[in-house]
PDB file of all heavy atoms in Angstrom:
ATOM      1  N   TRP A   1      12.164 -78.649 -30.389  1.00  0.00           N
ATOM      2  CA  TRP A   1      11.483 -79.061 -29.077  1.00  0.00           C
ATOM      3  C   TRP A   1       9.993 -79.004 -29.270  1.00  0.00           C
ATOM      4  O   TRP A   1       9.469 -78.083 -30.033  1.00  0.00           O
ATOM      5  CB  TRP A   1      11.868 -78.044 -27.949  1.00  0.00           C
ATOM      6  CG  TRP A   1      13.259 -78.216 -27.436  1.00  0.00           C
ATOM      7  CD1 TRP A   1      14.345 -77.458 -27.869  1.00  0.00           C
ATOM      8  CD2 TRP A   1      13.637 -79.107 -26.433  1.00  0.00           C
ATOM      9  NE1 TRP A   1      15.439 -77.910 -27.163  1.00  0.00           N
ATOM     10  CE2 TRP A   1      15.029 -78.892 -26.285  1.00  0.00           C
ATOM     11  CE3 TRP A   1      13.018 -80.104 -25.675  1.00  0.00           C
ATOM     12  CZ2 TRP A   1      15.819 -79.629 -25.342  1.00  0.00           C
ATOM     13  CZ3 TRP A   1      13.773 -80.799 -24.788  1.00  0.00           C
ATOM     14  CH2 TRP A   1      15.171 -80.508 -24.585  1.00  0.00           C
ATOM     15  N   PHE A   2       9.265 -79.990 -28.687  1.00  0.00           N
ATOM     16  CA  PHE A   2       7.871 -79.862 -28.624  1.00  0.00           C
ATOM     17  C   PHE A   2       7.463 -79.725 -27.108  1.00  0.00           C
ATOM     18  O   PHE A   2       7.853 -80.573 -26.314  1.00  0.00           O
ATOM     19  CB  PHE A   2       7.252 -81.201 -29.133  1.00  0.00           C
ATOM     20  CG  PHE A   2       7.306 -81.342 -30.640  1.00  0.00           C
ATOM     21  CD1 PHE A   2       8.333 -82.189 -31.189  1.00  0.00           C
ATOM     22  CD2 PHE A   2       6.454 -80.735 -31.467  1.00  0.00           C
ATOM     23  CE1 PHE A   2       8.475 -82.288 -32.577  1.00  0.00           C
ATOM     24  CE2 PHE A   2       6.560 -80.865 -32.852  1.00  0.00           C
ATOM     25  CZ  PHE A   2       7.573 -81.654 -33.405  1.00  0.00           C
ATOM     26  N   ASN A   3       6.750 -78.652 -26.811  1.00  0.00           N
ATOM     27  CA  ASN A   3       6.192 -78.597 -25.465  1.00  0.00           C
ATOM     28  C   ASN A   3       4.846 -79.356 -25.529  1.00  0.00           C
ATOM     29  O   ASN A   3       3.919 -79.017 -26.154  1.00  0.00           O
ATOM     30  CB  ASN A   3       5.946 -77.195 -24.997  1.00  0.00           C
ATOM     31  CG  ASN A   3       5.536 -77.076 -23.532  1.00  0.00           C
ATOM     32  OD1 ASN A   3       4.439 -77.554 -23.178  1.00  0.00           O
ATOM     33  ND2 ASN A   3       6.403 -76.527 -22.710  1.00  0.00           N
ATOM     34  N   THR A   4       4.795 -80.416 -24.733  1.00  0.00           N
ATOM     35  CA  THR A   4       3.635 -81.333 -24.785  1.00  0.00           C
ATOM     36  C   THR A   4       2.469 -80.784 -23.984  1.00  0.00           C
ATOM     37  O   THR A   4       1.364 -81.402 -23.989  1.00  0.00           O
ATOM     38  CB  THR A   4       4.048 -82.686 -24.185  1.00  0.00           C
ATOM     39  OG1 THR A   4       4.411 -82.573 -22.856  1.00  0.00           O
ATOM     40  CG2 THR A   4       5.196 -83.305 -25.000  1.00  0.00           C
ATOM     41  N   GLY A   5       2.642 -79.665 -23.202  1.00  0.00           N
ATOM     42  CA  GLY A   5       1.588 -79.123 -22.384  1.00  0.00           C
ATOM     43  C   GLY A   5       2.191 -78.741 -21.020  1.00  0.00           C
ATOM     44  O   GLY A   5       3.092 -79.400 -20.578  1.00  0.00           O
ATOM     45  N   THR A   6       1.596 -77.764 -20.334  1.00  0.00           N
ATOM     46  CA  THR A   6       2.142 -77.394 -19.106  1.00  0.00           C
ATOM     47  C   THR A   6       1.568 -78.109 -17.857  1.00  0.00           C
ATOM     48  O   THR A   6       2.026 -77.899 -16.768  1.00  0.00           O
ATOM     49  CB  THR A   6       1.900 -75.895 -18.883  1.00  0.00           C
ATOM     50  OG1 THR A   6       0.605 -75.499 -19.291  1.00  0.00           O
ATOM     51  CG2 THR A   6       2.887 -74.967 -19.568  1.00  0.00           C
ATOM     52  N   LEU A   7       0.642 -79.007 -18.076  1.00  0.00           N
ATOM     53  CA  LEU A   7       0.112 -79.789 -17.030  1.00  0.00           C
ATOM     54  C   LEU A   7       1.220 -80.773 -16.453  1.00  0.00           C
ATOM     55  O   LEU A   7       1.946 -81.286 -17.219  1.00  0.00           O
ATOM     56  CB  LEU A   7      -1.176 -80.620 -17.401  1.00  0.00           C
ATOM     57  CG  LEU A   7      -2.414 -79.813 -17.549  1.00  0.00           C
ATOM     58  CD1 LEU A   7      -3.500 -80.738 -18.143  1.00  0.00           C
ATOM     59  CD2 LEU A   7      -2.908 -79.196 -16.272  1.00  0.00           C
ATOM     60  N   CYS A   8       1.237 -80.831 -15.136  1.00  0.00           N
ATOM     61  CA  CYS A   8       2.256 -81.679 -14.521  1.00  0.00           C
ATOM     62  C   CYS A   8       1.621 -82.355 -13.321  1.00  0.00           C
ATOM     63  O   CYS A   8       0.642 -81.839 -12.700  1.00  0.00           O
ATOM     64  CB  CYS A   8       3.438 -80.884 -14.037  1.00  0.00           C
ATOM     65  SG  CYS A   8       4.856 -81.870 -13.387  1.00  0.00           S
ATOM     66  N   ASN A   9       2.134 -83.487 -12.929  1.00  0.00           N
ATOM     67  CA  ASN A   9       1.606 -84.208 -11.731  1.00  0.00           C
ATOM     68  C   ASN A   9       1.997 -83.610 -10.449  1.00  0.00           C
ATOM     69  O   ASN A   9       1.399 -83.929  -9.378  1.00  0.00           O
ATOM     70  CB  ASN A   9       2.021 -85.679 -11.769  1.00  0.00           C
ATOM     71  CG  ASN A   9       3.522 -85.884 -11.895  1.00  0.00           C
ATOM     72  OD1 ASN A   9       4.156 -85.394 -12.745  1.00  0.00           O
ATOM     73  ND2 ASN A   9       4.093 -86.560 -10.877  1.00  0.00           N
ATOM     74  N   ILE A  10       3.006 -82.742 -10.494  1.00  0.00           N
ATOM     75  CA  ILE A  10       3.456 -82.048  -9.179  1.00  0.00           C
ATOM     76  C   ILE A  10       3.590 -80.516  -9.538  1.00  0.00           C
ATOM     77  O   ILE A  10       3.581 -80.098 -10.682  1.00  0.00           O
ATOM     78  CB  ILE A  10       4.767 -82.601  -8.683  1.00  0.00           C
ATOM     79  CG1 ILE A  10       5.868 -82.506  -9.714  1.00  0.00           C
ATOM     80  CG2 ILE A  10       4.611 -84.057  -8.180  1.00  0.00           C
ATOM     81  CD1 ILE A  10       7.289 -82.932  -9.209  1.00  0.00           C
ATOM     82  N   GLU A  11       3.765 -79.776  -8.442  1.00  0.00           N
ATOM     83  CA  GLU A  11       3.992 -78.326  -8.556  1.00  0.00           C
ATOM     84  C   GLU A  11       5.286 -78.000  -7.856  1.00  0.00           C
ATOM     85  O   GLU A  11       5.314 -77.976  -6.632  1.00  0.00           O
ATOM     86  CB  GLU A  11       2.853 -77.493  -8.022  1.00  0.00           C
ATOM     87  CG  GLU A  11       2.968 -76.036  -8.246  1.00  0.00           C
ATOM     88  CD  GLU A  11       1.709 -75.284  -7.894  1.00  0.00           C
ATOM     89  OE1 GLU A  11       0.753 -75.899  -7.427  1.00  0.00           O
ATOM     90  OE2 GLU A  11       1.638 -74.036  -8.098  1.00  0.00           O
ATOM     91  N   CYS A  12       6.354 -77.764  -8.618  1.00  0.00           N
ATOM     92  CA  CYS A  12       7.628 -77.426  -8.039  1.00  0.00           C
ATOM     93  C   CYS A  12       7.698 -75.998  -7.495  1.00  0.00           C
ATOM     94  O   CYS A  12       7.015 -75.075  -8.041  1.00  0.00           O
ATOM     95  CB  CYS A  12       8.746 -77.671  -9.078  1.00  0.00           C
ATOM     96  SG  CYS A  12       8.852 -79.386  -9.641  1.00  0.00           S
ATOM     97  N   LEU A  13       8.535 -75.797  -6.581  1.00  0.00           N
ATOM     98  CA  LEU A  13       8.612 -74.519  -5.914  1.00  0.00           C
ATOM     99  C   LEU A  13       9.145 -73.340  -6.875  1.00  0.00           C
ATOM    100  O   LEU A  13       8.587 -72.254  -6.850  1.00  0.00           O
ATOM    101  CB  LEU A  13       9.642 -74.610  -4.693  1.00  0.00           C
ATOM    102  CG  LEU A  13       9.699 -73.311  -3.867  1.00  0.00           C
ATOM    103  CD1 LEU A  13       8.421 -73.049  -3.161  1.00  0.00           C
ATOM    104  CD2 LEU A  13      10.873 -73.579  -2.755  1.00  0.00           C
ATOM    105  N   ASN A  14      10.032 -73.691  -7.748  1.00  0.00           N
ATOM    106  CA  ASN A  14      10.585 -72.689  -8.603  1.00  0.00           C
ATOM    107  C   ASN A  14      10.556 -73.048 -10.077  1.00  0.00           C
ATOM    108  O   ASN A  14      11.489 -72.868 -10.877  1.00  0.00           O
ATOM    109  CB  ASN A  14      12.107 -72.428  -8.224  1.00  0.00           C
ATOM    110  CG  ASN A  14      12.212 -71.763  -6.900  1.00  0.00           C
ATOM    111  OD1 ASN A  14      11.770 -70.628  -6.728  1.00  0.00           O
ATOM    112  ND2 ASN A  14      12.764 -72.461  -5.901  1.00  0.00           N
ATOM    113  N   CYS A  15       9.456 -73.643 -10.537  1.00  0.00           N
ATOM    114  CA  CYS A  15       9.297 -74.078 -11.937  1.00  0.00           C
ATOM    115  C   CYS A  15       9.248 -72.795 -12.810  1.00  0.00           C
ATOM    116  O   CYS A  15       8.360 -72.045 -12.644  1.00  0.00           O
ATOM    117  CB  CYS A  15       8.082 -74.980 -12.121  1.00  0.00           C
ATOM    118  SG  CYS A  15       7.827 -75.505 -13.797  1.00  0.00           S
ATOM    119  N   TYR A  16      10.151 -72.709 -13.759  1.00  0.00           N
ATOM    120  CA  TYR A  16      10.206 -71.478 -14.651  1.00  0.00           C
ATOM    121  C   TYR A  16       8.994 -71.394 -15.479  1.00  0.00           C
ATOM    122  O   TYR A  16       8.555 -70.310 -15.848  1.00  0.00           O
ATOM    123  CB  TYR A  16      11.452 -71.417 -15.457  1.00  0.00           C
ATOM    124  CG  TYR A  16      11.381 -72.309 -16.700  1.00  0.00           C
ATOM    125  CD1 TYR A  16      10.988 -71.794 -17.946  1.00  0.00           C
ATOM    126  CD2 TYR A  16      11.669 -73.641 -16.671  1.00  0.00           C
ATOM    127  CE1 TYR A  16      10.950 -72.587 -19.076  1.00  0.00           C
ATOM    128  CE2 TYR A  16      11.568 -74.457 -17.762  1.00  0.00           C
ATOM    129  CZ  TYR A  16      11.158 -73.912 -18.998  1.00  0.00           C
ATOM    130  OH  TYR A  16      11.084 -74.692 -20.093  1.00  0.00           O
ATOM    131  N   ILE A  17       8.338 -72.461 -15.781  1.00  0.00           N
ATOM    132  CA  ILE A  17       7.186 -72.481 -16.642  1.00  0.00           C
ATOM    133  C   ILE A  17       5.906 -72.596 -15.872  1.00  0.00           C
ATOM    134  O   ILE A  17       4.810 -72.647 -16.388  1.00  0.00           O
ATOM    135  CB  ILE A  17       7.291 -73.643 -17.693  1.00  0.00           C
ATOM    136  CG1 ILE A  17       6.438 -73.404 -18.894  1.00  0.00           C
ATOM    137  CG2 ILE A  17       6.970 -75.026 -17.091  1.00  0.00           C
ATOM    138  CD1 ILE A  17       6.683 -74.390 -20.069  1.00  0.00           C
ATOM    139  N   GLU A  18       6.029 -72.664 -14.539  1.00  0.00           N
ATOM    140  CA  GLU A  18       4.843 -72.691 -13.601  1.00  0.00           C
ATOM    141  C   GLU A  18       3.919 -73.920 -13.865  1.00  0.00           C
ATOM    142  O   GLU A  18       2.683 -73.803 -13.747  1.00  0.00           O
ATOM    143  CB  GLU A  18       4.052 -71.364 -13.723  1.00  0.00           C
ATOM    144  CG  GLU A  18       4.918 -70.182 -13.291  1.00  0.00           C
ATOM    145  CD  GLU A  18       4.164 -68.822 -13.448  1.00  0.00           C
ATOM    146  OE1 GLU A  18       3.082 -68.816 -14.110  1.00  0.00           O
ATOM    147  OE2 GLU A  18       4.710 -67.794 -12.942  1.00  0.00           O
ATOM    148  N   SER A  19       4.540 -75.028 -14.191  1.00  0.00           N
ATOM    149  CA  SER A  19       3.743 -76.273 -14.439  1.00  0.00           C
ATOM    150  C   SER A  19       3.126 -76.703 -13.137  1.00  0.00           C
ATOM    151  O   SER A  19       3.651 -76.518 -12.097  1.00  0.00           O
ATOM    152  CB  SER A  19       4.627 -77.395 -14.993  1.00  0.00           C
ATOM    153  OG  SER A  19       5.111 -77.043 -16.264  1.00  0.00           O
ATOM    154  N   SER A  20       1.921 -77.293 -13.258  1.00  0.00           N
ATOM    155  CA  SER A  20       1.206 -77.811 -12.097  1.00  0.00           C
ATOM    156  C   SER A  20       0.067 -78.686 -12.567  1.00  0.00           C
ATOM    157  O   SER A  20      -0.189 -78.807 -13.746  1.00  0.00           O
ATOM    158  CB  SER A  20       0.636 -76.623 -11.263  1.00  0.00           C
ATOM    159  OG  SER A  20      -0.525 -76.108 -11.939  1.00  0.00           O
ATOM    160  N   PRO A  21      -0.654 -79.334 -11.612  1.00  0.00           N
ATOM    161  CA  PRO A  21      -1.760 -80.125 -12.060  1.00  0.00           C
ATOM    162  C   PRO A  21      -2.939 -79.302 -12.524  1.00  0.00           C
ATOM    163  O   PRO A  21      -3.907 -79.911 -13.091  1.00  0.00           O
ATOM    164  CB  PRO A  21      -2.201 -80.853 -10.728  1.00  0.00           C
ATOM    165  CG  PRO A  21      -0.922 -80.854  -9.879  1.00  0.00           C
ATOM    166  CD  PRO A  21      -0.250 -79.523 -10.215  1.00  0.00           C
ATOM    167  N   THR A  22      -2.905 -77.995 -12.560  1.00  0.00           N
ATOM    168  CA  THR A  22      -4.000 -77.156 -12.955  1.00  0.00           C
ATOM    169  C   THR A  22      -3.657 -76.184 -14.083  1.00  0.00           C
ATOM    170  O   THR A  22      -4.488 -75.578 -14.711  1.00  0.00           O
ATOM    171  CB  THR A  22      -4.622 -76.420 -11.806  1.00  0.00           C
ATOM    172  OG1 THR A  22      -3.570 -75.489 -11.229  1.00  0.00           O
ATOM    173  CG2 THR A  22      -5.228 -77.357 -10.775  1.00  0.00           C
ATOM    174  N   ASN A  23      -2.341 -75.987 -14.297  1.00  0.00           N
ATOM    175  CA  ASN A  23      -1.893 -74.962 -15.336  1.00  0.00           C
ATOM    176  C   ASN A  23      -1.927 -75.601 -16.683  1.00  0.00           C
ATOM    177  O   ASN A  23      -1.044 -76.363 -17.102  1.00  0.00           O
ATOM    178  CB  ASN A  23      -0.530 -74.502 -15.032  1.00  0.00           C
ATOM    179  CG  ASN A  23      -0.040 -73.439 -16.039  1.00  0.00           C
ATOM    180  OD1 ASN A  23      -0.778 -72.933 -16.834  1.00  0.00           O
ATOM    181  ND2 ASN A  23       1.186 -73.102 -16.032  1.00  0.00           N
ATOM    182  N   ASP A  24      -2.879 -75.215 -17.521  1.00  0.00           N
ATOM    183  CA  ASP A  24      -2.943 -75.690 -18.908  1.00  0.00           C
ATOM    184  C   ASP A  24      -2.797 -74.499 -19.863  1.00  0.00           C
ATOM    185  O   ASP A  24      -3.448 -74.495 -20.936  1.00  0.00           O
ATOM    186  CB  ASP A  24      -4.220 -76.487 -19.200  1.00  0.00           C
ATOM    187  CG  ASP A  24      -5.551 -75.733 -18.982  1.00  0.00           C
ATOM    188  OD1 ASP A  24      -5.413 -74.573 -18.441  1.00  0.00           O
ATOM    189  OD2 ASP A  24      -6.562 -76.179 -19.460  1.00  0.00           O
ATOM    190  N   ALA A  25      -2.066 -73.533 -19.516  1.00  0.00           N
ATOM    191  CA  ALA A  25      -1.812 -72.384 -20.318  1.00  0.00           C
ATOM    192  C   ALA A  25      -1.285 -72.798 -21.739  1.00  0.00           C
ATOM    193  O   ALA A  25      -1.555 -72.233 -22.760  1.00  0.00           O
ATOM    194  CB  ALA A  25      -0.906 -71.404 -19.705  1.00  0.00           C
ATOM    195  N   LEU A  26      -0.440 -73.875 -21.694  1.00  0.00           N
ATOM    196  CA  LEU A  26      -0.028 -74.534 -22.873  1.00  0.00           C
ATOM    197  C   LEU A  26      -0.792 -75.860 -22.932  1.00  0.00           C
ATOM    198  O   LEU A  26      -0.546 -76.712 -21.992  1.00  0.00           O
ATOM    199  CB  LEU A  26       1.460 -74.715 -22.951  1.00  0.00           C
ATOM    200  CG  LEU A  26       2.358 -73.445 -22.903  1.00  0.00           C
ATOM    201  CD1 LEU A  26       3.855 -73.797 -23.021  1.00  0.00           C
ATOM    202  CD2 LEU A  26       1.950 -72.405 -23.988  1.00  0.00           C
ATOM    203  N   VAL A  27      -1.614 -76.090 -23.903  1.00  0.00           N
ATOM    204  CA  VAL A  27      -2.427 -77.279 -23.867  1.00  0.00           C
ATOM    205  C   VAL A  27      -1.714 -78.439 -24.514  1.00  0.00           C
ATOM    206  O   VAL A  27      -0.625 -78.251 -25.143  1.00  0.00           O
ATOM    207  CB  VAL A  27      -3.805 -77.033 -24.612  1.00  0.00           C
ATOM    208  CG1 VAL A  27      -4.563 -75.948 -23.854  1.00  0.00           C
ATOM    209  CG2 VAL A  27      -3.513 -76.625 -26.076  1.00  0.00           C
ATOM    210  N   TYR A  28      -2.271 -79.639 -24.366  1.00  0.00           N
ATOM    211  CA  TYR A  28      -1.650 -80.835 -24.969  1.00  0.00           C
ATOM    212  C   TYR A  28      -1.502 -80.643 -26.474  1.00  0.00           C
ATOM    213  O   TYR A  28      -2.429 -80.329 -27.221  1.00  0.00           O
ATOM    214  CB  TYR A  28      -2.517 -82.058 -24.700  1.00  0.00           C
ATOM    215  CG  TYR A  28      -2.475 -82.614 -23.251  1.00  0.00           C
ATOM    216  CD1 TYR A  28      -3.558 -83.244 -22.768  1.00  0.00           C
ATOM    217  CD2 TYR A  28      -1.402 -82.368 -22.499  1.00  0.00           C
ATOM    218  CE1 TYR A  28      -3.546 -83.806 -21.496  1.00  0.00           C
ATOM    219  CE2 TYR A  28      -1.314 -82.863 -21.184  1.00  0.00           C
ATOM    220  CZ  TYR A  28      -2.462 -83.541 -20.633  1.00  0.00           C
ATOM    221  OH  TYR A  28      -2.438 -84.072 -19.382  1.00  0.00           O
ATOM    222  N   LEU A  29      -0.278 -80.947 -26.931  1.00  0.00           N
ATOM    223  CA  LEU A  29      -0.060 -81.084 -28.364  1.00  0.00           C
ATOM    224  C   LEU A  29      -0.420 -82.402 -28.843  1.00  0.00           C
ATOM    225  O   LEU A  29      -0.289 -83.413 -28.097  1.00  0.00           O
ATOM    226  CB  LEU A  29       1.517 -80.876 -28.576  1.00  0.00           C
ATOM    227  CG  LEU A  29       2.076 -80.501 -29.941  1.00  0.00           C
ATOM    228  CD1 LEU A  29       1.603 -79.067 -30.256  1.00  0.00           C
ATOM    229  CD2 LEU A  29       3.515 -80.597 -30.013  1.00  0.00           C
ATOM    230  N   THR A  30      -1.080 -82.500 -29.987  1.00  0.00           N
ATOM    231  CA  THR A  30      -1.555 -83.774 -30.491  1.00  0.00           C
ATOM    232  C   THR A  30      -0.535 -84.372 -31.362  1.00  0.00           C
ATOM    233  O   THR A  30       0.421 -83.705 -31.918  1.00  0.00           O
ATOM    234  CB  THR A  30      -2.837 -83.629 -31.188  1.00  0.00           C
ATOM    235  OG1 THR A  30      -2.660 -82.924 -32.409  1.00  0.00           O
ATOM    236  CG2 THR A  30      -3.949 -82.931 -30.376  1.00  0.00           C
ATOM    237  N   ARG A  31      -0.697 -85.685 -31.597  1.00  0.00           N
ATOM    238  CA  ARG A  31       0.182 -86.413 -32.505  1.00  0.00           C
ATOM    239  C   ARG A  31       0.113 -85.805 -33.901  1.00  0.00           C
ATOM    240  O   ARG A  31       1.196 -85.644 -34.541  1.00  0.00           O
ATOM    241  CB  ARG A  31      -0.234 -87.867 -32.537  1.00  0.00           C
ATOM    242  CG  ARG A  31       0.638 -88.783 -33.412  1.00  0.00           C
ATOM    243  CD  ARG A  31       0.106 -90.186 -33.449  1.00  0.00           C
ATOM    244  NE  ARG A  31       1.049 -91.112 -34.163  1.00  0.00           N
ATOM    245  CZ  ARG A  31       0.807 -92.411 -34.276  1.00  0.00           C
ATOM    246  NH1 ARG A  31      -0.280 -92.951 -33.758  1.00  0.00           N
ATOM    247  NH2 ARG A  31       1.708 -93.132 -34.950  1.00  0.00           N
ATOM    248  N   ALA A  32      -1.083 -85.469 -34.351  1.00  0.00           N
ATOM    249  CA  ALA A  32      -1.195 -84.915 -35.732  1.00  0.00           C
ATOM    250  C   ALA A  32      -0.496 -83.530 -35.804  1.00  0.00           C
ATOM    251  O   ALA A  32       0.148 -83.235 -36.856  1.00  0.00           O
ATOM    252  CB  ALA A  32      -2.692 -84.802 -36.114  1.00  0.00           C
ATOM    253  N   GLU A  33      -0.596 -82.717 -34.796  1.00  0.00           N
ATOM    254  CA  GLU A  33       0.015 -81.443 -34.773  1.00  0.00           C
ATOM    255  C   GLU A  33       1.602 -81.539 -34.829  1.00  0.00           C
ATOM    256  O   GLU A  33       2.239 -80.772 -35.522  1.00  0.00           O
ATOM    257  CB  GLU A  33      -0.454 -80.576 -33.624  1.00  0.00           C
ATOM    258  CG  GLU A  33      -1.885 -80.149 -33.715  1.00  0.00           C
ATOM    259  CD  GLU A  33      -2.472 -79.606 -32.372  1.00  0.00           C
ATOM    260  OE1 GLU A  33      -1.938 -79.927 -31.328  1.00  0.00           O
ATOM    261  OE2 GLU A  33      -3.468 -78.864 -32.495  1.00  0.00           O
TER     262      GLU A  33
END
Protein backbone atom coordinates (compact mmCIF):
# COMPACT_ATOMS: atom_id res chain seq x y z
CA TRP A 1 0.00 0.00 0.00
CA PHE A 2 1.05 3.57 -0.66
CA ASN A 3 -0.59 6.27 1.43
CA THR A 4 -0.64 9.19 -0.99
CA GLY A 5 -1.21 11.73 1.82
CA THR A 6 -3.92 12.51 4.37
CA LEU A 7 -5.34 15.56 2.59
CA CYS A 8 -8.89 14.99 1.39
CA ASN A 9 -11.53 17.12 -0.31
CA ILE A 10 -14.05 16.29 2.45
CA GLU A 11 -13.98 15.60 6.19
CA CYS A 12 -15.92 12.48 7.16
CA LEU A 13 -17.56 12.14 10.55
CA ASN A 14 -15.70 8.96 11.54
CA CYS A 15 -12.59 8.83 9.36
CA TYR A 16 -10.10 6.55 11.14
CA ILE A 17 -7.17 8.45 9.64
CA GLU A 18 -8.77 11.89 10.26
CA SER A 19 -8.35 12.97 6.65
CA SER A 20 -9.58 16.47 5.83
CA PRO A 21 -8.82 19.47 3.60
CA THR A 22 -6.29 20.63 6.23
CA ASN A 23 -4.73 17.45 7.68
CA ASP A 24 -1.35 16.90 6.07
CA ALA A 25 0.14 14.81 8.87
CA LEU A 26 1.02 12.38 6.11
CA VAL A 27 2.33 14.46 3.22
CA TYR A 28 2.06 13.74 -0.48
CA LEU A 29 4.17 10.80 -1.60
CA THR A 30 6.05 11.60 -4.80
CA ARG A 31 6.41 9.50 -7.91
CA ALA A 32 10.15 9.10 -7.30
CA GLU A 33 9.60 7.98 -3.69
